[in-house]
Structures are given as C-alpha cells and as structure tokens.
Amino acid sequence: MDALKALEVCGGAARRPALARLGVEDAALRRAVRAGVLQPDRGLYALPTAPPDLVAVLRNRELLTCSSAAAAYSLWSLPSDGRRHVYHRRQDAVCGDAVHHSGLLLPPSRLQPVAALADVLIHALRCLSFADSLVMVECAVTRGDMTVDFLRQRLPGHRNGRARAVLDWVDSGADSLLETLARTYFRKAGIEVQAQVYLERVGYVDLLLDGWLVVELDGRHHAEWKQVQKDHRRNNESVLQGYTALRYYYTDVVFRPQEMVAEVLAVLKRRR
C-alpha cells in the first residue's frame, strides 16, 4: 500500500510496525519523508494534518482506552472533561494529567494506538460514571460487537461490584444514547417502560410508559423544520388515539434527568 494511503488508514500517524502490516516498505517511507511526511520521533511517521493528540499518544507509546477510545469504535459517549484515558506499561511514563488504566486482556488494535474493545469497555465500567459507561457498553451490545456475559465474567470479585451493577441495566435495541439513558432513568424510578413501540398511523415511538404515556426524545436532526412538522403531526395523532405525549431534548436527558423523571411521574400520578 502507498505510504500516504496507509497513514490515512491509521488516522494520520503511525509507527513503523503498523505501516508494515499494511505492506509499506522502508523505501516507500523514505520517499514519503522526502515528499513531506513528518517524523516526530524515531520510527514514527505522520501526515502534516495528523491530529496532535494522536501523535502525542504514539510518541509516548500509549494506548487510548476508556472514554478516549469511544470515537475509535464509534461508541456513544457523553461530554468528557477533556482528559486523555490511556494504558501504558509503566504508569510513571504517562504524560500530563492523563488518566492511567492498568491491565489488558486482549491484544490492542493492529493499526491504531487503541486498546481492544473489551478492554475499552472494562476500563470504562471501572472508571466512568454510571451514565457514561452505560451508553458505551449498550452501544456495543446493541450492535452485536459485545455481550454482557462476556464483560460480566471478566469483572469478578467485590472490587468490580460497581461495574457489574451497570451491566444489570444494559439492554439492546436502543436507537440512541438518549433512549438508553431515559429508559434507564424511568425504570430506576419504578416506571414500566417499553421501547420502540409501534402505534398505528403514528409509527414507532421512542418510549411508552405504563402503556399510555408516549415519550419522544429529540436529537439535533429534529431542529429541521420539516422534521418538527412531522413530529407535531405524530404527537397529534397519538393524542387522538388516547395517548399522552411528552417530548424531551438532549439537555433534558443528559443534564437534568431528575427534573425529567419528576415531570413524568407527575403526569403518571394524575392518570393513576
């Protein structure tokens, strides 16, 4: 493979072994360097457009893991504090305020400095908050890339009790992290929740609570006017059929879940 193409496959920067796995020979690397490819460190090659964070991780021989590896596996994730979560054989070699994670079960990615998916999720379960780790794990489980049993078996003992408790709430079939979080918060409050329920002339609704309260969850695409009109018509039709409809947004679910649950409980209480 051409050296420039190989670097693009690796995200913009890579060490020599990763490039060799893609069939890049030493002569091709020398030509690439003469053509403008950078060498930030011995055995490390980078395009001029390579993300600085990626180059830093490779230079320090770290592996991204936990929330910092969510993007590499296209996992759902919540806003972070910006700190880098990494694995390194020596904790004292980790740079800056990065969060160090110890222990790997499986070989890391062959092309990028990223821990294996199982290790990423196990580190997240041990490190992150309930909501942060839940959405990452459920995304992988819903896609069929991971199973709850696989993770549970690798989290034995009392010290992993908090991590296993998160797994108790993992389900499958959610369309988004908003659905995962809202469904879980409502169930924790003792509410009967059905996800992705089909209603005649309405279509699939995100959540149906106690069999009559529809809860729809809006992401960014719902800001489009045509989508807003469609949503309003769906709400009207569900009300005509005897349902009550509530609608919540990203900020409601992620940043003010207690207020969202309180509003839902107030509505349910009136019918009960």
C-alpha atoms as a PDB file:
ATOM      1  CA  MET A   1       0.000   0.000   0.000  1.00  0.00           C
ATOM      2  CA  ASP A   2       1.139   3.561  -0.666  1.00  0.00           C
ATOM      3  CA  ALA A   3       2.652   5.197   2.437  1.00  0.00           C
ATOM      4  CA  LEU A   4       0.320   8.208   2.344  1.00  0.00           C
ATOM      5  CA  LYS A   5      -2.739   5.985   1.991  1.00  0.00           C
ATOM      6  CA  ALA A   6      -1.527   3.770   4.827  1.00  0.00           C
ATOM      7  CA  LEU A   7      -1.112   6.778   7.111  1.00  0.00           C
ATOM      8  CA  GLU A   8      -4.638   7.886   6.262  1.00  0.00           C
ATOM      9  CA  VAL A   9      -5.931   4.409   7.156  1.00  0.00           C
ATOM     10  CA  CYS A  10      -4.142   4.727  10.509  1.00  0.00           C
ATOM     11  CA  GLY A  11      -5.764   8.080  11.228  1.00  0.00           C
ATOM     12  CA  GLY A  12      -2.904  10.310  10.077  1.00  0.00           C
ATOM     13  CA  ALA A  13       0.048   8.918  12.049  1.00  0.00           C
ATOM     14  CA  ALA A  14       1.506   5.515  12.806  1.00  0.00           C
ATOM     15  CA  ARG A  15       4.622   3.682  13.904  1.00  0.00           C
ATOM     16  CA  ARG A  16       6.650   1.542  11.550  1.00  0.00           C
ATOM     17  CA  PRO A  17       5.157  -1.864  12.603  1.00  0.00           C
ATOM     18  CA  ALA A  18       1.602  -0.723  11.856  1.00  0.00           C
ATOM     19  CA  LEU A  19       2.643   0.557   8.441  1.00  0.00           C
ATOM     20  CA  ALA A  20       4.498  -2.679   7.724  1.00  0.00           C
ATOM     21  CA  ARG A  21       1.283  -4.617   8.377  1.00  0.00           C
ATOM     22  CA  LEU A  22      -0.280  -2.594   5.574  1.00  0.00           C
ATOM     23  CA  GLY A  23       2.535  -3.536   3.220  1.00  0.00           C
ATOM     24  CA  VAL A  24       4.509  -0.289   3.319  1.00  0.00           C
ATOM     25  CA  GLU A  25       8.213  -0.896   2.682  1.00  0.00           C
ATOM     26  CA  ASP A  26      11.141   1.125   4.023  1.00  0.00           C
ATOM     27  CA  ALA A  27      11.923   2.550   0.590  1.00  0.00           C
ATOM     28  CA  ALA A  28       8.360   3.844   0.303  1.00  0.00           C
ATOM     29  CA  LEU A  29       8.665   5.510   3.710  1.00  0.00           C
ATOM     30  CA  ARG A  30      11.892   7.235   2.718  1.00  0.00           C
ATOM     31  CA  ARG A  31      10.210   8.574  -0.407  1.00  0.00           C
ATOM     32  CA  ALA A  32       7.240   9.746   1.664  1.00  0.00           C
ATOM     33  CA  VAL A  33       9.522  11.627   4.059  1.00  0.00           C
ATOM     34  CA  ARG A  34      11.204  13.375   1.153  1.00  0.00           C
ATOM     35  CA  ALA A  35       7.717  14.273  -0.118  1.00  0.00           C
ATOM     36  CA  GLY A  36       6.733  15.939   3.170  1.00  0.00           C
ATOM     37  CA  VAL A  37       5.681  13.211   5.622  1.00  0.00           C
ATOM     38  CA  LEU A  38       6.855  14.148   9.135  1.00  0.00           C
ATOM     39  CA  GLN A  39       8.962  12.075  11.550  1.00  0.00           C
ATOM     40  CA  PRO A  40       8.066  13.367  15.047  1.00  0.00           C
ATOM     41  CA  ASP A  41      10.046  10.523  16.638  1.00  0.00           C
ATOM     42  CA  ARG A  42      12.200   7.595  15.636  1.00  0.00           C
ATOM     43  CA  GLY A  43      10.023   5.044  13.852  1.00  0.00           C
ATOM     44  CA  LEU A  44       7.007   7.385  13.923  1.00  0.00           C
ATOM     45  CA  TYR A  45       5.542   8.880  10.759  1.00  0.00           C
ATOM     46  CA  ALA A  46       2.784  11.470  10.457  1.00  0.00           C
ATOM     47  CA  LEU A  47       0.969  13.450   7.824  1.00  0.00           C
ATOM     48  CA  PRO A  48       1.174  17.241   8.263  1.00  0.00           C
ATOM     49  CA  THR A  49      -2.549  17.157   9.000  1.00  0.00           C
ATOM     50  CA  ALA A  50      -2.303  14.434  11.676  1.00  0.00           C
ATOM     51  CA  PRO A  51      -4.159  15.226  14.933  1.00  0.00           C
ATOM     52  CA  PRO A  52      -1.613  16.406  17.542  1.00  0.00           C
ATOM     53  CA  ASP A  53      -3.225  14.235  20.221  1.00  0.00           C
ATOM     54  CA  LEU A  54      -2.715  11.121  18.089  1.00  0.00           C
ATOM     55  CA  VAL A  55       0.936  11.998  17.501  1.00  0.00           C
ATOM     56  CA  ALA A  56       1.438  12.576  21.244  1.00  0.00           C
ATOM     57  CA  VAL A  57      -0.074   9.195  22.116  1.00  0.00           C
ATOM     58  CA  LEU A  58       2.118   7.415  19.576  1.00  0.00           C
ATOM     59  CA  ARG A  59       5.235   9.283  20.639  1.00  0.00           C
ATOM     60  CA  ASN A  60       4.700   8.251  24.267  1.00  0.00           C
ATOM     61  CA  ARG A  61       3.785   4.676  23.256  1.00  0.00           C
ATOM     62  CA  GLU A  62       0.393   4.880  24.952  1.00  0.00           C
ATOM     63  CA  LEU A  63      -2.876   3.186  24.018  1.00  0.00           C
ATOM     64  CA  LEU A  64      -6.138   5.109  24.110  1.00  0.00           C
ATOM     65  CA  THR A  65      -8.801   3.426  26.186  1.00  0.00           C
ATOM     66  CA  CYS A  66     -11.958   4.120  28.214  1.00  0.00           C
ATOM     67  CA  SER A  67     -13.807   7.239  27.003  1.00  0.00           C
ATOM     68  CA  SER A  68     -10.837   8.371  24.887  1.00  0.00           C
ATOM     69  CA  ALA A  69     -11.276   5.297  22.672  1.00  0.00           C
ATOM     70  CA  ALA A  70     -15.030   5.729  22.163  1.00  0.00           C
ATOM     71  CA  ALA A  71     -14.595   7.573  18.873  1.00  0.00           C
ATOM     72  CA  ALA A  72     -12.250   4.904  17.502  1.00  0.00           C
ATOM     73  CA  TYR A  73     -15.011   2.309  17.924  1.00  0.00           C
ATOM     74  CA  SER A  74     -17.871   4.712  17.064  1.00  0.00           C
ATOM     75  CA  LEU A  75     -19.374   4.220  20.516  1.00  0.00           C
ATOM     76  CA  TRP A  76     -21.940   6.533  22.046  1.00  0.00           C
ATOM     77  CA  SER A  77     -20.347   8.852  24.568  1.00  0.00           C
ATOM     78  CA  LEU A  78     -21.241  11.788  26.786  1.00  0.00           C
ATOM     79  CA  PRO A  79     -19.287  15.055  27.111  1.00  0.00           C
ATOM     80  CA  SER A  80     -15.998  14.487  28.936  1.00  0.00           C
ATOM     81  CA  ASP A  81     -13.654  16.644  30.988  1.00  0.00           C
ATOM     82  CA  GLY A  82     -11.097  16.505  28.187  1.00  0.00           C
ATOM     83  CA  ARG A  83      -8.560  14.333  29.996  1.00  0.00           C
ATOM     84  CA  ARG A  84      -6.933  11.557  27.999  1.00  0.00           C
ATOM     85  CA  HIS A  85      -7.528   7.976  29.201  1.00  0.00           C
ATOM     86  CA  VAL A  86      -4.621   5.712  28.314  1.00  0.00           C
ATOM     87  CA  TYR A  87      -2.895   2.424  29.002  1.00  0.00           C
ATOM     88  CA  HIS A  88       0.896   2.286  29.363  1.00  0.00           C
ATOM     89  CA  ARG A  89       3.091  -0.497  30.649  1.00  0.00           C
ATOM     90  CA  ARG A  90       4.576   1.965  33.132  1.00  0.00           C
ATOM     91  CA  GLN A  91       2.240   4.323  34.934  1.00  0.00           C
ATOM     92  CA  ASP A  92       5.023   6.818  35.637  1.00  0.00           C
ATOM     93  CA  ALA A  93       5.529   7.238  31.880  1.00  0.00           C
ATOM     94  CA  VAL A  94       2.039   8.662  31.324  1.00  0.00           C
ATOM     95  CA  CYS A  95       2.226  12.339  30.375  1.00  0.00           C
ATOM     96  CA  GLY A  96       0.415  15.271  31.954  1.00  0.00           C
ATOM     97  CA  ASP A  97      -2.942  14.823  33.655  1.00  0.00           C
ATOM     98  CA  ALA A  98      -3.909  11.767  31.588  1.00  0.00           C
ATOM     99  CA  VAL A  99      -5.849   9.037  33.394  1.00  0.00           C
ATOM    100  CA  HIS A 100      -3.861   5.801  33.522  1.00  0.00           C
ATOM    101  CA  HIS A 101      -5.583   2.420  33.205  1.00  0.00           C
ATOM    102  CA  SER A 102      -3.774  -0.790  34.037  1.00  0.00           C
ATOM    103  CA  GLY A 103      -4.243  -4.279  32.657  1.00  0.00           C
ATOM    104  CA  LEU A 104      -5.117  -5.524  29.182  1.00  0.00           C
ATOM    105  CA  LEU A 105      -6.981  -8.747  28.425  1.00  0.00           C
ATOM    106  CA  LEU A 106      -6.662  -8.752  24.647  1.00  0.00           C
ATOM    107  CA  PRO A 107      -4.182  -7.534  22.012  1.00  0.00           C
ATOM    108  CA  PRO A 108      -4.776  -3.904  21.009  1.00  0.00           C
ATOM    109  CA  SER A 109      -5.681  -2.626  17.558  1.00  0.00           C
ATOM    110  CA  ARG A 110      -3.075  -3.528  14.966  1.00  0.00           C
ATOM    111  CA  LEU A 111      -3.284  -0.221  13.123  1.00  0.00           C
ATOM    112  CA  GLN A 112      -4.086   2.446  15.709  1.00  0.00           C
ATOM    113  CA  PRO A 113      -2.929   3.105  19.294  1.00  0.00           C
ATOM    114  CA  VAL A 114      -6.205   1.898  20.767  1.00  0.00           C
ATOM    115  CA  ALA A 115      -6.920  -0.873  23.265  1.00  0.00           C
ATOM    116  CA  ALA A 116      -9.189  -3.754  22.264  1.00  0.00           C
ATOM    117  CA  LEU A 117     -12.925  -3.075  22.521  1.00  0.00           C
ATOM    118  CA  ALA A 118     -13.342  -5.384  25.518  1.00  0.00           C
ATOM    119  CA  ASP A 119     -10.579  -3.605  27.431  1.00  0.00           C
ATOM    120  CA  VAL A 120     -12.006  -0.202  26.496  1.00  0.00           C
ATOM    121  CA  LEU A 121     -15.402  -1.170  27.922  1.00  0.00           C
ATOM    122  CA  ILE A 122     -13.981  -2.808  31.055  1.00  0.00           C
ATOM    123  CA  HIS A 123     -11.887   0.274  31.766  1.00  0.00           C
ATOM    124  CA  ALA A 124     -14.959   2.468  31.214  1.00  0.00           C
ATOM    125  CA  LEU A 125     -17.053   0.377  33.605  1.00  0.00           C
ATOM    126  CA  ARG A 126     -14.397   0.669  36.300  1.00  0.00           C
ATOM    127  CA  CYS A 127     -13.614   4.347  35.723  1.00  0.00           C
ATOM    128  CA  LEU A 128     -16.578   6.340  34.464  1.00  0.00           C
ATOM    129  CA  SER A 129     -19.901   7.333  35.965  1.00  0.00           C
ATOM    130  CA  PHE A 130     -22.968   5.125  35.643  1.00  0.00           C
ATOM    131  CA  ALA A 131     -24.378   7.046  32.670  1.00  0.00           C
ATOM    132  CA  ASP A 132     -21.061   7.424  30.806  1.00  0.00           C
ATOM    133  CA  SER A 133     -20.188   3.732  30.978  1.00  0.00           C
ATOM    134  CA  LEU A 134     -23.755   2.548  30.354  1.00  0.00           C
ATOM    135  CA  VAL A 135     -24.101   4.282  26.981  1.00  0.00           C
ATOM    136  CA  MET A 136     -20.728   2.998  25.767  1.00  0.00           C
ATOM    137  CA  VAL A 137     -21.477  -0.611  26.715  1.00  0.00           C
ATOM    138  CA  GLU A 138     -25.044  -0.573  25.424  1.00  0.00           C
ATOM    139  CA  CYS A 139     -23.923   0.816  22.072  1.00  0.00           C
ATOM    140  CA  ALA A 140     -21.505  -2.096  21.633  1.00  0.00           C
ATOM    141  CA  VAL A 141     -24.081  -4.648  22.822  1.00  0.00           C
ATOM    142  CA  THR A 142     -26.828  -3.280  20.567  1.00  0.00           C
ATOM    143  CA  ARG A 143     -24.523  -3.513  17.543  1.00  0.00           C
ATOM    144  CA  GLY A 144     -23.628  -7.085  18.426  1.00  0.00           C
ATOM    145  CA  ASP A 145     -19.955  -6.278  18.997  1.00  0.00           C
ATOM    146  CA  MET A 146     -20.016  -7.319  22.669  1.00  0.00           C
ATOM    147  CA  THR A 147     -22.137  -9.298  25.127  1.00  0.00           C
ATOM    148  CA  VAL A 148     -22.982  -8.534  28.729  1.00  0.00           C
ATOM    149  CA  ASP A 149     -21.992 -12.060  29.802  1.00  0.00           C
ATOM    150  CA  PHE A 150     -18.508 -11.659  28.298  1.00  0.00           C
ATOM    151  CA  LEU A 151     -17.930  -8.475  30.298  1.00  0.00           C
ATOM    152  CA  ARG A 152     -19.504  -9.804  33.492  1.00  0.00           C
ATOM    153  CA  GLN A 153     -17.265 -12.872  33.510  1.00  0.00           C
ATOM    154  CA  ARG A 154     -14.221 -10.610  33.335  1.00  0.00           C
ATOM    155  CA  LEU A 155     -15.318  -8.410  36.223  1.00  0.00           C
ATOM    156  CA  PRO A 156     -15.195 -10.797  39.194  1.00  0.00           C
ATOM    157  CA  GLY A 157     -14.929 -10.030  42.870  1.00  0.00           C
ATOM    158  CA  HIS A 158     -16.066  -7.328  45.234  1.00  0.00           C
ATOM    159  CA  ARG A 159     -13.892  -4.592  43.713  1.00  0.00           C
ATOM    160  CA  ASN A 160     -15.822  -4.871  40.440  1.00  0.00           C
ATOM    161  CA  GLY A 161     -19.239  -4.727  42.066  1.00  0.00           C
ATOM    162  CA  ARG A 162     -19.971  -1.191  40.853  1.00  0.00           C
ATOM    163  CA  ALA A 163     -19.042  -2.148  37.292  1.00  0.00           C
ATOM    164  CA  ARG A 164     -21.290  -5.230  37.334  1.00  0.00           C
ATOM    165  CA  ALA A 165     -24.139  -3.095  38.671  1.00  0.00           C
ATOM    166  CA  VAL A 166     -24.008  -1.019  35.482  1.00  0.00           C
ATOM    167  CA  LEU A 167     -24.307  -4.207  33.403  1.00  0.00           C
ATOM    168  CA  ASP A 168     -27.598  -5.029  35.168  1.00  0.00           C
ATOM    169  CA  TRP A 169     -29.192  -2.098  33.318  1.00  0.00           C
ATOM    170  CA  VAL A 170     -27.806  -2.799  29.850  1.00  0.00           C
ATOM    171  CA  ASP A 171     -30.499  -3.594  27.277  1.00  0.00           C
ATOM    172  CA  SER A 172     -30.458  -3.760  23.491  1.00  0.00           C
ATOM    173  CA  GLY A 173     -32.389  -2.166  20.661  1.00  0.00           C
ATOM    174  CA  ALA A 174     -31.995   1.491  21.620  1.00  0.00           C
ATOM    175  CA  ASP A 175     -31.599   3.915  18.728  1.00  0.00           C
ATOM    176  CA  SER A 176     -29.541   6.452  20.636  1.00  0.00           C
ATOM    177  CA  LEU A 177     -27.835   7.203  23.913  1.00  0.00           C
ATOM    178  CA  LEU A 178     -30.816   9.426  24.786  1.00  0.00           C
ATOM    179  CA  GLU A 179     -33.134   6.432  24.594  1.00  0.00           C
ATOM    180  CA  THR A 180     -30.751   4.343  26.683  1.00  0.00           C
ATOM    181  CA  LEU A 181     -30.482   6.944  29.419  1.00  0.00           C
ATOM    182  CA  ALA A 182     -34.162   7.944  29.521  1.00  0.00           C
ATOM    183  CA  ARG A 183     -35.330   4.322  29.550  1.00  0.00           C
ATOM    184  CA  THR A 184     -32.941   3.527  32.402  1.00  0.00           C
ATOM    185  CA  TYR A 185     -33.831   6.583  34.483  1.00  0.00           C
ATOM    186  CA  PHE A 186     -37.551   5.801  34.151  1.00  0.00           C
ATOM    187  CA  ARG A 187     -37.077   2.141  35.068  1.00  0.00           C
ATOM    188  CA  LYS A 188     -34.982   3.126  38.071  1.00  0.00           C
ATOM    189  CA  ALA A 189     -37.958   5.249  39.160  1.00  0.00           C
ATOM    190  CA  GLY A 190     -40.215   2.173  39.043  1.00  0.00           C
ATOM    191  CA  ILE A 191     -41.977   3.043  35.780  1.00  0.00           C
ATOM    192  CA  GLU A 192     -42.973   0.359  33.282  1.00  0.00           C
ATOM    193  CA  VAL A 193     -41.132   1.169  30.054  1.00  0.00           C
ATOM    194  CA  GLN A 194     -41.492  -0.249  26.552  1.00  0.00           C
ATOM    195  CA  ALA A 195     -39.025   0.904  23.911  1.00  0.00           C
ATOM    196  CA  GLN A 196     -39.628   1.341  20.182  1.00  0.00           C
ATOM    197  CA  VAL A 197     -43.368   0.640  20.284  1.00  0.00           C
ATOM    198  CA  TYR A 198     -45.329   0.780  17.009  1.00  0.00           C
ATOM    199  CA  LEU A 199     -48.585   2.764  17.031  1.00  0.00           C
ATOM    200  CA  GLU A 200     -50.956   2.737  14.070  1.00  0.00           C
ATOM    201  CA  ARG A 201     -50.787   5.927  11.953  1.00  0.00           C
ATOM    202  CA  VAL A 202     -48.029   7.205  14.253  1.00  0.00           C
ATOM    203  CA  GLY A 203     -45.153   4.808  13.646  1.00  0.00           C
ATOM    204  CA  TYR A 204     -42.536   3.811  16.190  1.00  0.00           C
ATOM    205  CA  VAL A 205     -42.337   5.914  19.340  1.00  0.00           C
ATOM    206  CA  ASP A 206     -39.178   6.011  21.428  1.00  0.00           C
ATOM    207  CA  LEU A 207     -40.716   5.035  24.767  1.00  0.00           C
ATOM    208  CA  LEU A 208     -44.170   4.066  26.016  1.00  0.00           C
ATOM    209  CA  LEU A 209     -44.646   4.391  29.773  1.00  0.00           C
ATOM    210  CA  ASP A 210     -47.346   2.495  31.666  1.00  0.00           C
ATOM    211  CA  GLY A 211     -48.960   1.686  28.336  1.00  0.00           C
ATOM    212  CA  TRP A 212     -50.295   5.189  27.638  1.00  0.00           C
ATOM    213  CA  LEU A 213     -47.665   7.911  28.067  1.00  0.00           C
ATOM    214  CA  VAL A 214     -45.539   8.433  24.953  1.00  0.00           C
ATOM    215  CA  VAL A 215     -42.094   9.937  25.460  1.00  0.00           C
ATOM    216  CA  GLU A 216     -40.209  11.112  22.379  1.00  0.00           C
ATOM    217  CA  LEU A 217     -36.529  12.047  22.522  1.00  0.00           C
ATOM    218  CA  ASP A 218     -35.181  14.645  20.116  1.00  0.00           C
ATOM    219  CA  GLY A 219     -31.634  14.843  18.850  1.00  0.00           C
ATOM    220  CA  ARG A 220     -30.078  17.523  16.676  1.00  0.00           C
ATOM    221  CA  HIS A 221     -31.786  16.411  13.447  1.00  0.00           C
ATOM    222  CA  HIS A 222     -35.122  17.362  14.972  1.00  0.00           C
ATOM    223  CA  ALA A 223     -34.211  21.041  14.612  1.00  0.00           C
ATOM    224  CA  GLU A 224     -35.047  20.845  10.908  1.00  0.00           C
ATOM    225  CA  TRP A 225     -38.428  22.440  10.189  1.00  0.00           C
ATOM    226  CA  LYS A 226     -39.761  19.526   8.134  1.00  0.00           C
ATOM    227  CA  GLN A 227     -38.881  17.130  10.945  1.00  0.00           C
ATOM    228  CA  VAL A 228     -40.527  19.425  13.505  1.00  0.00           C
ATOM    229  CA  GLN A 229     -43.756  19.407  11.498  1.00  0.00           C
ATOM    230  CA  LYS A 230     -43.641  15.630  11.192  1.00  0.00           C
ATOM    231  CA  ASP A 231     -43.087  15.267  14.936  1.00  0.00           C
ATOM    232  CA  HIS A 232     -46.007  17.547  15.752  1.00  0.00           C
ATOM    233  CA  ARG A 233     -48.325  15.558  13.477  1.00  0.00           C
ATOM    234  CA  ARG A 234     -47.199  12.333  15.143  1.00  0.00           C
ATOM    235  CA  ASN A 235     -47.899  13.837  18.558  1.00  0.00           C
ATOM    236  CA  ASN A 236     -51.360  14.983  17.467  1.00  0.00           C
ATOM    237  CA  GLU A 237     -52.225  11.543  16.105  1.00  0.00           C
ATOM    238  CA  SER A 238     -51.093   9.807  19.285  1.00  0.00           C
ATOM    239  CA  VAL A 239     -53.284  12.161  21.372  1.00  0.00           C
ATOM    240  CA  LEU A 240     -56.269  11.436  19.106  1.00  0.00           C
ATOM    241  CA  GLN A 241     -55.761   7.744  19.868  1.00  0.00           C
ATOM    242  CA  GLY A 242     -55.907   8.375  23.608  1.00  0.00           C
ATOM    243  CA  TYR A 243     -52.235   8.609  24.427  1.00  0.00           C
ATOM    244  CA  THR A 244     -50.492  11.482  26.172  1.00  0.00           C
ATOM    245  CA  ALA A 245     -47.215  12.653  24.628  1.00  0.00           C
ATOM    246  CA  LEU A 246     -44.190  14.336  26.190  1.00  0.00           C
ATOM    247  CA  ARG A 247     -41.060  15.380  24.355  1.00  0.00           C
ATOM    248  CA  TYR A 248     -37.566  15.805  25.788  1.00  0.00           C
ATOM    249  CA  TYR A 249     -34.274  17.014  24.343  1.00  0.00           C
ATOM    250  CA  TYR A 250     -30.591  16.236  24.749  1.00  0.00           C
ATOM    251  CA  THR A 251     -30.096  18.754  27.551  1.00  0.00           C
ATOM    252  CA  ASP A 252     -33.089  17.337  29.441  1.00  0.00           C
ATOM    253  CA  VAL A 253     -31.886  13.740  29.323  1.00  0.00           C
ATOM    254  CA  VAL A 254     -28.163  14.342  29.806  1.00  0.00           C
ATOM    255  CA  PHE A 255     -28.007  17.365  32.118  1.00  0.00           C
ATOM    256  CA  ARG A 256     -31.333  17.440  34.018  1.00  0.00           C
ATOM    257  CA  PRO A 257     -32.606  13.859  34.229  1.00  0.00           C
ATOM    258  CA  GLN A 258     -34.028  14.290  37.728  1.00  0.00           C
ATOM    259  CA  GLU A 259     -36.319  17.068  36.557  1.00  0.00           C
ATOM    260  CA  MET A 260     -37.392  14.992  33.547  1.00  0.00           C
ATOM    261  CA  VAL A 261     -38.266  11.999  35.731  1.00  0.00           C
ATOM    262  CA  ALA A 262     -40.145  14.221  38.188  1.00  0.00           C
ATOM    263  CA  GLU A 263     -42.296  15.654  35.378  1.00  0.00           C
ATOM    264  CA  VAL A 264     -43.084  12.192  34.044  1.00  0.00           C
ATOM    265  CA  LEU A 265     -44.009  10.901  37.495  1.00  0.00           C
ATOM    266  CA  ALA A 266     -46.332  13.891  37.974  1.00  0.00           C
ATOM    267  CA  VAL A 267     -48.165  13.086  34.734  1.00  0.00           C
ATOM    268  CA  LEU A 268     -48.375   9.363  35.522  1.00  0.00           C
ATOM    269  CA  LYS A 269     -49.712  10.110  39.002  1.00  0.00           C
ATOM    270  CA  ARG A 270     -52.674  12.004  37.597  1.00  0.00           C
ATOM    271  CA  ARG A 271     -53.810   9.035  35.472  1.00  0.00           C
ATOM    272  CA  ARG A 272     -53.149   6.509  38.231  1.00  0.00           C
END
